[in-house]
Amino acid sequence: MILLLLACATGAADSGDTCAGRRDVTWNSWAHGFFFTWCQPCHSATSPDRYGAPEGLDFDTYEQVIALTGSVRQTVLDEGTMPLGGGLTDEDRALLEDFLDCGTGD
């Protein structure tokens, strides 16, 4: 019973902010470099060879990435089908999740 009360008390202190305590990952501090390295070789309006990536599915700007958050989350984090050939570290995946959930364009 005491453990239940402690668990409830801890939850009551929670501000409800799902980003509290997470790393401050912004477009400028991390995400731009990530998308430049891992995504833009195929998913950029200026890619000379898109290697089959659909036209218009580009990650050149913060706004484009945010508009496609669901697709990025699904293919990179949930399914692991992107980037082609893999190569992401667990740290990159965690930072990407923080960015998609809480990141800003700063």
PDB file of N, CA and C in Angstrom:
ATOM      1  N   MET A   1       0.821  -1.191   0.000  1.00  0.00           N
ATOM      2  CA  MET A   1       0.000   0.000   0.000  1.00  0.00           C
ATOM      3  C   MET A   1       0.863   1.253   0.000  1.00  0.00           C
ATOM      4  N   ILE A   2       1.927   1.221   0.766  1.00  0.00           N
ATOM      5  CA  ILE A   2       2.821   2.385   0.829  1.00  0.00           C
ATOM      6  C   ILE A   2       3.454   2.627  -0.536  1.00  0.00           C
ATOM      7  N   LEU A   3       3.845   1.554  -1.216  1.00  0.00           N
ATOM      8  CA  LEU A   3       4.437   1.712  -2.546  1.00  0.00           C
ATOM      9  C   LEU A   3       3.445   2.331  -3.514  1.00  0.00           C
ATOM     10  N   LEU A   4       2.191   1.948  -3.424  1.00  0.00           N
ATOM     11  CA  LEU A   4       1.161   2.521  -4.279  1.00  0.00           C
ATOM     12  C   LEU A   4       1.009   4.008  -4.007  1.00  0.00           C
ATOM     13  N   LEU A   5       1.007   4.392  -2.748  1.00  0.00           N
ATOM     14  CA  LEU A   5       0.905   5.808  -2.394  1.00  0.00           C
ATOM     15  C   LEU A   5       2.112   6.597  -2.894  1.00  0.00           C
ATOM     16  N   LEU A   6       3.298   6.001  -2.771  1.00  0.00           N
ATOM     17  CA  LEU A   6       4.502   6.679  -3.270  1.00  0.00           C
ATOM     18  C   LEU A   6       4.447   6.846  -4.779  1.00  0.00           C
ATOM     19  N   ALA A   7       3.992   5.837  -5.469  1.00  0.00           N
ATOM     20  CA  ALA A   7       3.889   5.917  -6.929  1.00  0.00           C
ATOM     21  C   ALA A   7       2.908   7.004  -7.328  1.00  0.00           C
ATOM     22  N   CYS A   8       1.797   7.089  -6.630  1.00  0.00           N
ATOM     23  CA  CYS A   8       0.806   8.120  -6.935  1.00  0.00           C
ATOM     24  C   CYS A   8       1.341   9.502  -6.612  1.00  0.00           C
ATOM     25  N   ALA A   9       2.063   9.621  -5.507  1.00  0.00           N
ATOM     26  CA  ALA A   9       2.625  10.918  -5.125  1.00  0.00           C
ATOM     27  C   ALA A   9       3.642  11.373  -6.156  1.00  0.00           C
ATOM     28  N   THR A  10       4.456  10.460  -6.677  1.00  0.00           N
ATOM     29  CA  THR A  10       5.430  10.808  -7.706  1.00  0.00           C
ATOM     30  C   THR A  10       4.721  11.276  -8.958  1.00  0.00           C
ATOM     31  N   GLY A  11       3.659  10.599  -9.350  1.00  0.00           N
ATOM     32  CA  GLY A  11       2.894  11.000 -10.521  1.00  0.00           C
ATOM     33  C   GLY A  11       2.220  12.335 -10.336  1.00  0.00           C
ATOM     34  N   ALA A  12       1.772  12.630  -9.122  1.00  0.00           N
ATOM     35  CA  ALA A  12       1.105  13.895  -8.859  1.00  0.00           C
ATOM     36  C   ALA A  12       2.062  15.063  -9.013  1.00  0.00           C
ATOM     37  N   ALA A  13       3.344  14.837  -8.749  1.00  0.00           N
ATOM     38  CA  ALA A  13       4.326  15.906  -8.879  1.00  0.00           C
ATOM     39  C   ALA A  13       4.699  16.148 -10.339  1.00  0.00           C
ATOM     40  N   ASP A  14       4.361  15.216 -11.209  1.00  0.00           N
ATOM     41  CA  ASP A  14       4.672  15.345 -12.627  1.00  0.00           C
ATOM     42  C   ASP A  14       3.888  16.507 -13.219  1.00  0.00           C
ATOM     43  N   SER A  15       4.573  17.341 -13.957  1.00  0.00           N
ATOM     44  CA  SER A  15       3.939  18.528 -14.535  1.00  0.00           C
ATOM     45  C   SER A  15       3.066  18.185 -15.743  1.00  0.00           C
ATOM     46  N   GLY A  16       3.167  16.946 -16.235  1.00  0.00           N
ATOM     47  CA  GLY A  16       2.406  16.569 -17.423  1.00  0.00           C
ATOM     48  C   GLY A  16       3.146  16.910 -18.712  1.00  0.00           C
ATOM     49  N   ASP A  17       4.278  17.566 -18.610  1.00  0.00           N
ATOM     50  CA  ASP A  17       5.085  17.929 -19.765  1.00  0.00           C
ATOM     51  C   ASP A  17       5.893  16.712 -20.183  1.00  0.00           C
ATOM     52  N   THR A  18       5.554  16.133 -21.330  1.00  0.00           N
ATOM     53  CA  THR A  18       6.245  14.927 -21.798  1.00  0.00           C
ATOM     54  C   THR A  18       7.689  15.208 -22.183  1.00  0.00           C
ATOM     55  N   CYS A  19       8.066  16.470 -22.276  1.00  0.00           N
ATOM     56  CA  CYS A  19       9.429  16.827 -22.653  1.00  0.00           C
ATOM     57  C   CYS A  19      10.296  17.163 -21.450  1.00  0.00           C
ATOM     58  N   ALA A  20       9.704  17.220 -20.265  1.00  0.00           N
ATOM     59  CA  ALA A  20      10.473  17.530 -19.059  1.00  0.00           C
ATOM     60  C   ALA A  20      11.531  16.459 -18.840  1.00  0.00           C
ATOM     61  N   GLY A  21      12.749  16.897 -18.614  1.00  0.00           N
ATOM     62  CA  GLY A  21      13.827  15.964 -18.342  1.00  0.00           C
ATOM     63  C   GLY A  21      14.465  15.357 -19.573  1.00  0.00           C
ATOM     64  N   ARG A  22      13.965  15.691 -20.761  1.00  0.00           N
ATOM     65  CA  ARG A  22      14.555  15.152 -21.980  1.00  0.00           C
ATOM     66  C   ARG A  22      15.605  16.116 -22.495  1.00  0.00           C
ATOM     67  N   ARG A  23      16.449  15.619 -23.363  1.00  0.00           N
ATOM     68  CA  ARG A  23      17.498  16.465 -23.931  1.00  0.00           C
ATOM     69  C   ARG A  23      16.900  17.533 -24.823  1.00  0.00           C
ATOM     70  N   ASP A  24      17.503  18.690 -24.811  1.00  0.00           N
ATOM     71  CA  ASP A  24      17.082  19.809 -25.642  1.00  0.00           C
ATOM     72  C   ASP A  24      17.708  19.625 -27.023  1.00  0.00           C
ATOM     73  N   VAL A  25      16.963  18.996 -27.913  1.00  0.00           N
ATOM     74  CA  VAL A  25      17.453  18.718 -29.256  1.00  0.00           C
ATOM     75  C   VAL A  25      16.699  19.627 -30.222  1.00  0.00           C
ATOM     76  N   THR A  26      17.425  20.497 -30.883  1.00  0.00           N
ATOM     77  CA  THR A  26      16.804  21.429 -31.817  1.00  0.00           C
ATOM     78  C   THR A  26      17.282  21.138 -33.233  1.00  0.00           C
ATOM     79  N   TRP A  27      16.650  21.797 -34.192  1.00  0.00           N
ATOM     80  CA  TRP A  27      17.051  21.666 -35.583  1.00  0.00           C
ATOM     81  C   TRP A  27      18.514  22.105 -35.735  1.00  0.00           C
ATOM     82  N   ASN A  28      18.849  23.258 -35.165  1.00  0.00           N
ATOM     83  CA  ASN A  28      20.198  23.798 -35.331  1.00  0.00           C
ATOM     84  C   ASN A  28      21.254  23.044 -34.531  1.00  0.00           C
ATOM     85  N   SER A  29      20.888  22.538 -33.360  1.00  0.00           N
ATOM     86  CA  SER A  29      21.890  21.893 -32.513  1.00  0.00           C
ATOM     87  C   SER A  29      22.200  20.459 -32.921  1.00  0.00           C
ATOM     88  N   TRP A  30      21.254  19.778 -33.564  1.00  0.00           N
ATOM     89  CA  TRP A  30      21.489  18.372 -33.888  1.00  0.00           C
ATOM     90  C   TRP A  30      20.758  17.898 -35.135  1.00  0.00           C
ATOM     91  N   ALA A  31      19.480  18.179 -35.241  1.00  0.00           N
ATOM     92  CA  ALA A  31      18.652  17.540 -36.270  1.00  0.00           C
ATOM     93  C   ALA A  31      19.067  17.889 -37.694  1.00  0.00           C
ATOM     94  N   HIS A  32      19.450  19.119 -37.953  1.00  0.00           N
ATOM     95  CA  HIS A  32      19.850  19.473 -39.314  1.00  0.00           C
ATOM     96  C   HIS A  32      21.013  18.595 -39.772  1.00  0.00           C
ATOM     97  N   GLY A  33      21.999  18.422 -38.921  1.00  0.00           N
ATOM     98  CA  GLY A  33      23.132  17.558 -39.254  1.00  0.00           C
ATOM     99  C   GLY A  33      22.718  16.110 -39.455  1.00  0.00           C
ATOM    100  N   PHE A  34      21.817  15.641 -38.623  1.00  0.00           N
ATOM    101  CA  PHE A  34      21.322  14.268 -38.755  1.00  0.00           C
ATOM    102  C   PHE A  34      20.633  14.075 -40.103  1.00  0.00           C
ATOM    103  N   PHE A  35      19.696  14.963 -40.433  1.00  0.00           N
ATOM    104  CA  PHE A  35      18.961  14.814 -41.690  1.00  0.00           C
ATOM    105  C   PHE A  35      19.868  15.043 -42.892  1.00  0.00           C
ATOM    106  N   PHE A  36      20.840  15.933 -42.781  1.00  0.00           N
ATOM    107  CA  PHE A  36      21.806  16.168 -43.859  1.00  0.00           C
ATOM    108  C   PHE A  36      22.601  14.895 -44.134  1.00  0.00           C
ATOM    109  N   THR A  37      23.053  14.242 -43.075  1.00  0.00           N
ATOM    110  CA  THR A  37      23.889  13.045 -43.209  1.00  0.00           C
ATOM    111  C   THR A  37      23.104  11.813 -43.635  1.00  0.00           C
ATOM    112  N   TRP A  38      21.983  11.561 -42.959  1.00  0.00           N
ATOM    113  CA  TRP A  38      21.282  10.299 -43.139  1.00  0.00           C
ATOM    114  C   TRP A  38      20.131  10.328 -44.137  1.00  0.00           C
ATOM    115  N   CYS A  39      19.535  11.474 -44.400  1.00  0.00           N
ATOM    116  CA  CYS A  39      18.312  11.516 -45.196  1.00  0.00           C
ATOM    117  C   CYS A  39      18.453  12.278 -46.514  1.00  0.00           C
ATOM    118  N   GLN A  40      19.133  13.412 -46.474  1.00  0.00           N
ATOM    119  CA  GLN A  40      19.182  14.271 -47.648  1.00  0.00           C
ATOM    120  C   GLN A  40      19.915  13.697 -48.859  1.00  0.00           C
ATOM    121  N   PRO A  41      20.805  12.720 -48.717  1.00  0.00           N
ATOM    122  CA  PRO A  41      21.383  12.160 -49.943  1.00  0.00           C
ATOM    123  C   PRO A  41      20.309  11.641 -50.916  1.00  0.00           C
ATOM    124  N   CYS A  42      19.175  11.197 -50.396  1.00  0.00           N
ATOM    125  CA  CYS A  42      18.064  10.740 -51.243  1.00  0.00           C
ATOM    126  C   CYS A  42      16.858  11.669 -51.163  1.00  0.00           C
ATOM    127  N   HIS A  43      16.635  12.244 -49.998  1.00  0.00           N
ATOM    128  CA  HIS A  43      15.437  13.043 -49.729  1.00  0.00           C
ATOM    129  C   HIS A  43      15.757  14.532 -49.655  1.00  0.00           C
ATOM    130  N   SER A  44      16.199  15.079 -50.782  1.00  0.00           N
ATOM    131  CA  SER A  44      16.468  16.515 -50.881  1.00  0.00           C
ATOM    132  C   SER A  44      16.057  16.987 -52.262  1.00  0.00           C
ATOM    133  N   ALA A  45      15.558  18.200 -52.334  1.00  0.00           N
ATOM    134  CA  ALA A  45      15.166  18.769 -53.625  1.00  0.00           C
ATOM    135  C   ALA A  45      16.366  18.898 -54.553  1.00  0.00           C
ATOM    136  N   THR A  46      17.571  18.915 -53.983  1.00  0.00           N
ATOM    137  CA  THR A  46      18.778  19.072 -54.800  1.00  0.00           C
ATOM    138  C   THR A  46      19.563  17.780 -54.974  1.00  0.00           C
ATOM    139  N   SER A  47      19.027  16.645 -54.557  1.00  0.00           N
ATOM    140  CA  SER A  47      19.730  15.369 -54.706  1.00  0.00           C
ATOM    141  C   SER A  47      19.876  15.023 -56.181  1.00  0.00           C
ATOM    142  N   PRO A  48      21.106  14.776 -56.639  1.00  0.00           N
ATOM    143  CA  PRO A  48      21.289  14.431 -58.045  1.00  0.00           C
ATOM    144  C   PRO A  48      20.702  13.058 -58.390  1.00  0.00           C
ATOM    145  N   ASP A  49      20.694  12.146 -57.430  1.00  0.00           N
ATOM    146  CA  ASP A  49      20.098  10.822 -57.629  1.00  0.00           C
ATOM    147  C   ASP A  49      19.351  10.477 -56.354  1.00  0.00           C
ATOM    148  N   ARG A  50      18.043  10.345 -56.454  1.00  0.00           N
ATOM    149  CA  ARG A  50      17.214  10.105 -55.271  1.00  0.00           C
ATOM    150  C   ARG A  50      17.142   8.627 -54.902  1.00  0.00           C
ATOM    151  N   TYR A  51      17.739   7.753 -55.690  1.00  0.00           N
ATOM    152  CA  TYR A  51      17.759   6.318 -55.398  1.00  0.00           C
ATOM    153  C   TYR A  51      16.374   5.775 -55.079  1.00  0.00           C
ATOM    154  N   GLY A  52      15.386   6.249 -55.815  1.00  0.00           N
ATOM    155  CA  GLY A  52      14.029   5.746 -55.671  1.00  0.00           C
ATOM    156  C   GLY A  52      13.167   6.499 -54.664  1.00  0.00           C
ATOM    157  N   ALA A  53      13.721   7.468 -53.962  1.00  0.00           N
ATOM    158  CA  ALA A  53      12.911   8.238 -53.007  1.00  0.00           C
ATOM    159  C   ALA A  53      11.865   9.037 -53.769  1.00  0.00           C
ATOM    160  N   PRO A  54      10.640   9.057 -53.300  1.00  0.00           N
ATOM    161  CA  PRO A  54       9.575   9.783 -54.004  1.00  0.00           C
ATOM    162  C   PRO A  54       9.867  11.277 -54.115  1.00  0.00           C
ATOM    163  N   GLU A  55       9.566  11.843 -55.259  1.00  0.00           N
ATOM    164  CA  GLU A  55       9.703  13.287 -55.455  1.00  0.00           C
ATOM    165  C   GLU A  55       8.821  14.002 -54.443  1.00  0.00           C
ATOM    166  N   GLY A  56       9.328  15.096 -53.907  1.00  0.00           N
ATOM    167  CA  GLY A  56       8.557  15.887 -52.952  1.00  0.00           C
ATOM    168  C   GLY A  56       8.658  15.405 -51.513  1.00  0.00           C
ATOM    169  N   LEU A  57       9.240  14.251 -51.290  1.00  0.00           N
ATOM    170  CA  LEU A  57       9.455  13.741 -49.931  1.00  0.00           C
ATOM    171  C   LEU A  57      10.867  14.162 -49.523  1.00  0.00           C
ATOM    172  N   ASP A  58      10.976  15.442 -49.132  1.00  0.00           N
ATOM    173  CA  ASP A  58      12.272  16.056 -48.874  1.00  0.00           C
ATOM    174  C   ASP A  58      12.404  16.464 -47.415  1.00  0.00           C
ATOM    175  N   PHE A  59      13.649  16.447 -46.938  1.00  0.00           N
ATOM    176  CA  PHE A  59      13.962  16.809 -45.564  1.00  0.00           C
ATOM    177  C   PHE A  59      15.007  17.918 -45.533  1.00  0.00           C
ATOM    178  N   ASP A  60      14.791  18.942 -46.341  1.00  0.00           N
ATOM    179  CA  ASP A  60      15.739  20.055 -46.424  1.00  0.00           C
ATOM    180  C   ASP A  60      15.549  21.085 -45.319  1.00  0.00           C
ATOM    181  N   THR A  61      14.345  21.204 -44.799  1.00  0.00           N
ATOM    182  CA  THR A  61      14.059  22.241 -43.810  1.00  0.00           C
ATOM    183  C   THR A  61      13.361  21.645 -42.585  1.00  0.00           C
ATOM    184  N   TYR A  62      13.422  22.406 -41.516  1.00  0.00           N
ATOM    185  CA  TYR A  62      12.710  22.028 -40.293  1.00  0.00           C
ATOM    186  C   TYR A  62      11.224  21.814 -40.585  1.00  0.00           C
ATOM    187  N   GLU A  63      10.629  22.727 -41.334  1.00  0.00           N
ATOM    188  CA  GLU A  63       9.195  22.645 -41.635  1.00  0.00           C
ATOM    189  C   GLU A  63       8.852  21.375 -42.402  1.00  0.00           C
ATOM    190  N   GLN A  64       9.708  20.982 -43.340  1.00  0.00           N
ATOM    191  CA  GLN A  64       9.458  19.750 -44.091  1.00  0.00           C
ATOM    192  C   GLN A  64       9.533  18.525 -43.182  1.00  0.00           C
ATOM    193  N   VAL A  65      10.504  18.513 -42.302  1.00  0.00           N
ATOM    194  CA  VAL A  65      10.656  17.384 -41.383  1.00  0.00           C
ATOM    195  C   VAL A  65       9.456  17.295 -40.447  1.00  0.00           C
ATOM    196  N   ILE A  66       9.057  18.427 -39.878  1.00  0.00           N
ATOM    197  CA  ILE A  66       7.936  18.429 -38.935  1.00  0.00           C
ATOM    198  C   ILE A  66       6.648  17.993 -39.625  1.00  0.00           C
ATOM    199  N   ALA A  67       6.466  18.392 -40.875  1.00  0.00           N
ATOM    200  CA  ALA A  67       5.265  17.985 -41.615  1.00  0.00           C
ATOM    201  C   ALA A  67       5.231  16.470 -41.833  1.00  0.00           C
ATOM    202  N   LEU A  68       6.382  15.833 -41.795  1.00  0.00           N
ATOM    203  CA  LEU A  68       6.472  14.389 -42.040  1.00  0.00           C
ATOM    204  C   LEU A  68       6.894  13.604 -40.794  1.00  0.00           C
ATOM    205  N   THR A  69       6.663  14.188 -39.618  1.00  0.00           N
ATOM    206  CA  THR A  69       7.069  13.543 -38.367  1.00  0.00           C
ATOM    207  C   THR A  69       6.547  12.118 -38.267  1.00  0.00           C
ATOM    208  N   GLY A  70       5.299  11.908 -38.599  1.00  0.00           N
ATOM    209  CA  GLY A  70       4.716  10.565 -38.505  1.00  0.00           C
ATOM    210  C   GLY A  70       5.428   9.569 -39.390  1.00  0.00           C
ATOM    211  N   SER A  71       5.740   9.952 -40.610  1.00  0.00           N
ATOM    212  CA  SER A  71       6.458   9.059 -41.528  1.00  0.00           C
ATOM    213  C   SER A  71       7.868   8.773 -41.050  1.00  0.00           C
ATOM    214  N   VAL A  72       8.545   9.812 -40.560  1.00  0.00           N
ATOM    215  CA  VAL A  72       9.905   9.621 -40.048  1.00  0.00           C
ATOM    216  C   VAL A  72       9.869   8.672 -38.862  1.00  0.00           C
ATOM    217  N   ARG A  73       8.962   8.907 -37.935  1.00  0.00           N
ATOM    218  CA  ARG A  73       8.850   8.049 -36.754  1.00  0.00           C
ATOM    219  C   ARG A  73       8.588   6.595 -37.164  1.00  0.00           C
ATOM    220  N   GLN A  74       7.668   6.407 -38.089  1.00  0.00           N
ATOM    221  CA  GLN A  74       7.307   5.051 -38.502  1.00  0.00           C
ATOM    222  C   GLN A  74       8.471   4.335 -39.186  1.00  0.00           C
ATOM    223  N   THR A  75       9.074   4.981 -40.192  1.00  0.00           N
ATOM    224  CA  THR A  75      10.097   4.281 -40.980  1.00  0.00           C
ATOM    225  C   THR A  75      11.446   4.171 -40.274  1.00  0.00           C
ATOM    226  N   VAL A  76      11.802   5.165 -39.468  1.00  0.00           N
ATOM    227  CA  VAL A  76      13.105   5.133 -38.806  1.00  0.00           C
ATOM    228  C   VAL A  76      13.024   4.462 -37.442  1.00  0.00           C
ATOM    229  N   LEU A  77      12.094   4.899 -36.611  1.00  0.00           N
ATOM    230  CA  LEU A  77      12.056   4.410 -35.232  1.00  0.00           C
ATOM    231  C   LEU A  77      11.253   3.127 -35.067  1.00  0.00           C
ATOM    232  N   ASP A  78      10.085   3.042 -35.692  1.00  0.00           N
ATOM    233  CA  ASP A  78       9.222   1.872 -35.487  1.00  0.00           C
ATOM    234  C   ASP A  78       9.639   0.678 -36.349  1.00  0.00           C
ATOM    235  N   GLU A  79       9.767   0.898 -37.645  1.00  0.00           N
ATOM    236  CA  GLU A  79      10.070  -0.200 -38.570  1.00  0.00           C
ATOM    237  C   GLU A  79      11.564  -0.419 -38.772  1.00  0.00           C
ATOM    238  N   GLY A  80      12.358   0.638 -38.650  1.00  0.00           N
ATOM    239  CA  GLY A  80      13.793   0.530 -38.881  1.00  0.00           C
ATOM    240  C   GLY A  80      14.161   0.322 -40.335  1.00  0.00           C
ATOM    241  N   THR A  81      13.269   0.722 -41.247  1.00  0.00           N
ATOM    242  CA  THR A  81      13.539   0.529 -42.676  1.00  0.00           C
ATOM    243  C   THR A  81      14.309   1.691 -43.300  1.00  0.00           C
ATOM    244  N   MET A  82      14.465   2.764 -42.564  1.00  0.00           N
ATOM    245  CA  MET A  82      15.252   3.907 -43.012  1.00  0.00           C
ATOM    246  C   MET A  82      16.231   4.254 -41.907  1.00  0.00           C
ATOM    247  N   PRO A  83      17.391   4.739 -42.275  1.00  0.00           N
ATOM    248  CA  PRO A  83      17.904   4.874 -43.632  1.00  0.00           C
ATOM    249  C   PRO A  83      18.223   3.506 -44.227  1.00  0.00           C
ATOM    250  N   LEU A  84      18.159   3.456 -45.549  1.00  0.00           N
ATOM    251  CA  LEU A  84      18.489   2.207 -46.228  1.00  0.00           C
ATOM    252  C   LEU A  84      19.891   1.769 -45.824  1.00  0.00           C
ATOM    253  N   GLY A  85      20.033   0.535 -45.527  1.00  0.00           N
ATOM    254  CA  GLY A  85      21.334   0.011 -45.118  1.00  0.00           C
ATOM    255  C   GLY A  85      21.613   0.159 -43.637  1.00  0.00           C
ATOM    256  N   GLY A  86      20.700   0.821 -42.911  1.00  0.00           N
ATOM    257  CA  GLY A  86      20.864   0.964 -41.465  1.00  0.00           C
ATOM    258  C   GLY A  86      22.004   1.900 -41.119  1.00  0.00           C
ATOM    259  N   GLY A  87      22.628   1.645 -39.990  1.00  0.00           N
ATOM    260  CA  GLY A  87      23.779   2.420 -39.569  1.00  0.00           C
ATOM    261  C   GLY A  87      23.539   3.364 -38.415  1.00  0.00           C
ATOM    262  N   LEU A  88      22.282   3.589 -38.032  1.00  0.00           N
ATOM    263  CA  LEU A  88      22.013   4.498 -36.919  1.00  0.00           C
ATOM    264  C   LEU A  88      22.383   3.837 -35.598  1.00  0.00           C
ATOM    265  N   THR A  89      22.957   4.628 -34.725  1.00  0.00           N
ATOM    266  CA  THR A  89      23.257   4.138 -33.385  1.00  0.00           C
ATOM    267  C   THR A  89      22.014   4.274 -32.511  1.00  0.00           C
ATOM    268  N   ASP A  90      22.022   3.589 -31.395  1.00  0.00           N
ATOM    269  CA  ASP A  90      20.921   3.733 -30.439  1.00  0.00           C
ATOM    270  C   ASP A  90      20.833   5.178 -29.956  1.00  0.00           C
ATOM    271  N   GLU A  91      21.978   5.834 -29.798  1.00  0.00           N
ATOM    272  CA  GLU A  91      22.011   7.231 -29.371  1.00  0.00           C
ATOM    273  C   GLU A  91      21.328   8.121 -30.409  1.00  0.00           C
ATOM    274  N   ASP A  92      21.619   7.901 -31.699  1.00  0.00           N
ATOM    275  CA  ASP A  92      20.961   8.680 -32.756  1.00  0.00           C
ATOM    276  C   ASP A  92      19.456   8.460 -32.738  1.00  0.00           C
ATOM    277  N   ARG A  93      19.041   7.234 -32.541  1.00  0.00           N
ATOM    278  CA  ARG A  93      17.602   6.940 -32.475  1.00  0.00           C
ATOM    279  C   ARG A  93      16.954   7.666 -31.296  1.00  0.00           C
ATOM    280  N   ALA A  94      17.611   7.669 -30.153  1.00  0.00           N
ATOM    281  CA  ALA A  94      17.076   8.346 -28.965  1.00  0.00           C
ATOM    282  C   ALA A  94      17.013   9.857 -29.195  1.00  0.00           C
ATOM    283  N   LEU A  95      18.050  10.417 -29.788  1.00  0.00           N
ATOM    284  CA  LEU A  95      18.048  11.854 -30.073  1.00  0.00           C
ATOM    285  C   LEU A  95      16.971  12.203 -31.094  1.00  0.00           C
ATOM    286  N   LEU A  96      16.794  11.358 -32.110  1.00  0.00           N
ATOM    287  CA  LEU A  96      15.750  11.598 -33.098  1.00  0.00           C
ATOM    288  C   LEU A  96      14.376  11.574 -32.442  1.00  0.00           C
ATOM    289  N   GLU A  97      14.154  10.626 -31.561  1.00  0.00           N
ATOM    290  CA  GLU A  97      12.869  10.559 -30.864  1.00  0.00           C
ATOM    291  C   GLU A  97      12.638  11.817 -30.025  1.00  0.00           C
ATOM    292  N   ASP A  98      13.685  12.267 -29.326  1.00  0.00           N
ATOM    293  CA  ASP A  98      13.559  13.502 -28.550  1.00  0.00           C
ATOM    294  C   ASP A  98      13.247  14.679 -29.466  1.00  0.00           C
ATOM    295  N   PHE A  99      13.912  14.745 -30.609  1.00  0.00           N
ATOM    296  CA  PHE A  99      13.654  15.847 -31.541  1.00  0.00           C
ATOM    297  C   PHE A  99      12.232  15.799 -32.079  1.00  0.00           C
ATOM    298  N   LEU A 100      11.772  14.626 -32.503  1.00  0.00           N
ATOM    299  CA  LEU A 100      10.431  14.517 -33.067  1.00  0.00           C
ATOM    300  C   LEU A 100       9.360  14.834 -32.023  1.00  0.00           C
ATOM    301  N   ASP A 101       9.603  14.485 -30.780  1.00  0.00           N
ATOM    302  CA  ASP A 101       8.633  14.734 -29.726  1.00  0.00           C
ATOM    303  C   ASP A 101       8.690  16.166 -29.196  1.00  0.00           C
ATOM    304  N   CYS A 102       9.885  16.725 -29.109  1.00  0.00           N
ATOM    305  CA  CYS A 102      10.050  17.958 -28.356  1.00  0.00           C
ATOM    306  C   CYS A 102      10.898  19.032 -29.038  1.00  0.00           C
ATOM    307  N   GLY A 103      11.519  18.712 -30.145  1.00  0.00           N
ATOM    308  CA  GLY A 103      12.460  19.632 -30.759  1.00  0.00           C
ATOM    309  C   GLY A 103      11.827  20.872 -31.349  1.00  0.00           C
ATOM    310  N   THR A 104      12.667  21.868 -31.503  1.00  0.00           N
ATOM    311  CA  THR A 104      12.234  23.138 -32.092  1.00  0.00           C
ATOM    312  C   THR A 104      13.098  23.453 -33.292  1.00  0.00           C
ATOM    313  N   GLY A 105      12.759  24.512 -33.986  1.00  0.00           N
ATOM    314  CA  GLY A 105      13.510  24.928 -35.154  1.00  0.00           C
ATOM    315  C   GLY A 105      14.685  25.804 -34.836  1.00  0.00           C
ATOM    316  N   ASP A 106      14.955  26.050 -33.557  1.00  0.00           N
ATOM    317  CA  ASP A 106      16.077  26.921 -33.167  1.00  0.00           C
ATOM    318  C   ASP A 106      17.400  26.318 -33.548  1.00  0.00           C
TER     319      ASP A 106
END
